[in-house]
Amino acid sequence: MTDYRCKMEPGRFYHVFNRGNNREKLFYTSENYSFFLQRFDHFMSSYIDVFAFCLMPNHFHFLIRVKEIEVSEQFQALFTSYAKALNQQLKRTGSLFMKPFRRIEVDSQQYMRNLIFYIHANPQLHGIIDDFRCTHGAVIREY
């Protein structure tokens, strides 16, 4: 059975992912994506290295390696900061993200290879772009 709430240990790789509460959108505008990444950088850059990521309208995926500190509290601060800003922007209340955020330790090279492919192919799998291999010319669809 997969442990989605495992303790994140320094030096290890993790697949971190979450989606909107009730499968609702997390990102409504291009500015929302940019703001989330700015908040992500602010809260997380000192604590993790990012190897792959994908932001989708109602969910996200990150492949990270934890630096020399436990990072779960930093992720919670990131999600709280973003949710407060989006709730204010949309004049909404309540949880934005499903709880708890999920993380799975990447424990083999095969899993890492598959995960990198999965993260990069995710927009195509959801019909948002035509071909993830050439995003510079991909057609992006409204989700």
Protein backbone atom coordinates (compact mmCIF):
# COMPACT_ATOMS: atom_id res chain seq x y z
CA MET A 1 0.00 0.00 0.00
CA THR A 2 1.30 3.44 -0.95
CA ASP A 3 2.09 5.82 1.90
CA TYR A 4 0.94 9.23 0.67
CA ARG A 5 1.90 10.89 3.96
CA CYS A 6 5.45 9.61 4.36
CA LYS A 7 7.96 11.76 6.22
CA MET A 8 10.13 13.60 3.73
CA GLU A 9 13.79 12.98 4.52
CA PRO A 10 16.85 14.94 3.40
CA GLY A 11 18.64 13.64 0.32
CA ARG A 12 15.67 11.62 -0.94
CA PHE A 13 13.52 12.14 -4.01
CA TYR A 14 9.72 12.51 -3.83
CA HIS A 15 6.77 12.79 -6.13
CA VAL A 16 4.68 15.58 -4.57
CA PHE A 17 1.19 16.10 -5.93
CA ASN A 18 -2.22 17.41 -5.02
CA ARG A 19 -5.42 18.59 -6.59
CA GLY A 20 -8.17 21.05 -5.91
CA ASN A 21 -10.68 20.23 -3.21
CA ASN A 22 -13.68 18.49 -4.81
CA ARG A 23 -11.59 18.40 -8.01
CA GLU A 24 -12.11 22.13 -8.43
CA LYS A 25 -9.61 24.31 -10.26
CA LEU A 26 -6.47 25.56 -8.55
CA PHE A 27 -5.50 27.90 -11.39
CA TYR A 28 -8.01 30.11 -13.19
CA THR A 29 -5.72 32.50 -15.07
CA SER A 30 -2.15 32.56 -16.32
CA GLU A 31 -1.43 34.96 -13.48
CA ASN A 32 -2.52 32.27 -10.99
CA TYR A 33 0.12 29.89 -12.39
CA SER A 34 2.79 32.60 -12.18
CA PHE A 35 1.79 33.58 -8.65
CA PHE A 36 1.85 29.95 -7.48
CA LEU A 37 5.36 29.50 -8.91
CA GLN A 38 6.50 32.74 -7.23
CA ARG A 39 5.08 31.51 -3.92
CA PHE A 40 6.64 28.09 -4.56
CA ASP A 41 10.05 29.69 -5.08
CA HIS A 42 9.64 31.87 -1.99
CA PHE A 43 8.66 29.03 0.34
CA MET A 44 10.50 26.06 -1.15
CA SER A 45 13.72 27.03 -2.99
CA SER A 46 15.89 26.86 0.14
CA TYR A 47 14.52 23.45 1.10
CA ILE A 48 14.25 21.42 -2.11
CA ASP A 49 15.63 20.95 -5.61
CA VAL A 50 13.04 20.56 -8.39
CA PHE A 51 13.72 18.11 -11.24
CA ALA A 52 10.36 18.13 -13.03
CA PHE A 53 6.98 19.73 -12.52
CA CYS A 54 3.63 20.20 -14.14
CA LEU A 55 0.85 22.60 -13.18
CA MET A 56 -2.58 21.66 -14.47
CA PRO A 57 -5.81 23.61 -13.95
CA ASN A 58 -6.97 21.37 -11.10
CA HIS A 59 -3.80 19.57 -9.95
CA PHE A 60 -0.01 19.59 -9.98
CA HIS A 61 2.99 17.25 -9.87
CA PHE A 62 6.57 17.90 -8.70
CA LEU A 63 9.61 15.66 -8.66
CA ILE A 64 11.81 17.03 -5.90
CA ARG A 65 14.85 16.16 -3.81
CA VAL A 66 14.77 17.35 -0.23
CA LYS A 67 17.79 19.31 0.97
CA GLU A 68 19.00 19.09 4.56
CA ILE A 69 15.73 19.78 6.36
CA GLU A 70 12.20 18.37 6.76
CA VAL A 71 9.92 20.27 4.36
CA SER A 72 6.30 19.31 5.10
CA GLU A 73 5.72 22.53 7.06
CA GLN A 74 7.06 24.57 4.14
CA PHE A 75 4.61 22.92 1.76
CA GLN A 76 1.76 23.69 4.15
CA ALA A 77 2.86 27.35 4.31
CA LEU A 78 2.98 27.48 0.50
CA PHE A 79 -0.50 26.00 0.11
CA THR A 80 -1.96 28.28 2.80
CA SER A 81 -0.40 31.38 1.23
CA TYR A 82 -1.67 30.53 -2.25
CA ALA A 83 -5.14 29.52 -1.04
CA LYS A 84 -5.59 32.77 0.91
CA ALA A 85 -4.63 34.84 -2.12
CA LEU A 86 -6.87 32.89 -4.52
CA ASN A 87 -9.79 32.92 -2.07
CA GLN A 88 -9.46 36.69 -1.81
CA GLN A 89 -9.21 37.08 -5.61
CA LEU A 90 -12.28 34.90 -6.28
CA LYS A 91 -14.19 35.99 -3.17
CA ARG A 92 -14.49 32.36 -2.12
CA THR A 93 -14.08 30.60 1.21
CA GLY A 94 -13.01 27.18 2.34
CA SER A 95 -10.27 24.76 1.48
CA LEU A 96 -8.68 25.03 -1.92
CA PHE A 97 -6.44 21.96 -1.79
CA MET A 98 -7.25 18.39 -0.86
CA LYS A 99 -5.68 17.43 2.45
CA PRO A 100 -3.18 16.10 3.08
CA PHE A 101 -0.93 16.89 0.14
CA ARG A 102 0.43 13.66 -1.25
CA ARG A 103 4.00 12.55 -1.55
CA ILE A 104 5.59 9.27 -2.55
CA GLU A 105 9.25 8.47 -2.17
CA VAL A 106 10.97 7.79 -5.48
CA ASP A 107 12.82 4.63 -4.56
CA SER A 108 14.20 3.35 -7.88
CA GLN A 109 15.66 4.59 -11.13
CA GLN A 110 12.82 2.95 -13.06
CA TYR A 111 10.21 4.81 -11.00
CA MET A 112 12.13 8.07 -11.54
CA ARG A 113 12.25 7.55 -15.33
CA ASN A 114 8.55 6.71 -15.46
CA LEU A 115 7.69 9.66 -13.22
CA ILE A 116 9.62 12.18 -15.33
CA PHE A 117 7.79 10.95 -18.42
CA TYR A 118 4.44 11.02 -16.61
CA ILE A 119 4.92 14.57 -15.32
CA HIS A 120 5.93 15.92 -18.71
CA ALA A 121 3.22 13.99 -20.59
CA ASN A 122 0.46 14.95 -18.13
CA PRO A 123 -0.87 17.94 -20.14
CA GLN A 124 -1.18 15.73 -23.22
CA LEU A 125 -2.81 12.91 -21.23
CA HIS A 126 -5.45 15.43 -20.11
CA GLY A 127 -5.99 16.85 -23.60
CA ILE A 128 -4.55 20.29 -22.88
CA ILE A 129 -1.73 20.09 -25.44
CA ASP A 130 -1.33 18.03 -28.58
CA ASP A 131 2.22 16.73 -28.06
CA PHE A 132 4.29 17.25 -24.92
CA ARG A 133 7.50 16.60 -26.89
CA CYS A 134 7.16 19.86 -28.80
CA THR A 135 5.43 22.28 -26.46
CA HIS A 136 6.85 25.25 -28.34
CA GLY A 137 4.36 24.47 -31.12
CA ALA A 138 1.71 22.65 -29.13
CA VAL A 139 -1.89 23.69 -29.22
CA ILE A 140 -3.07 24.49 -25.70
CA ARG A 141 -6.76 23.92 -25.12
CA GLU A 142 -9.06 25.47 -22.56
CA TYR A 143 -9.53 22.99 -19.70
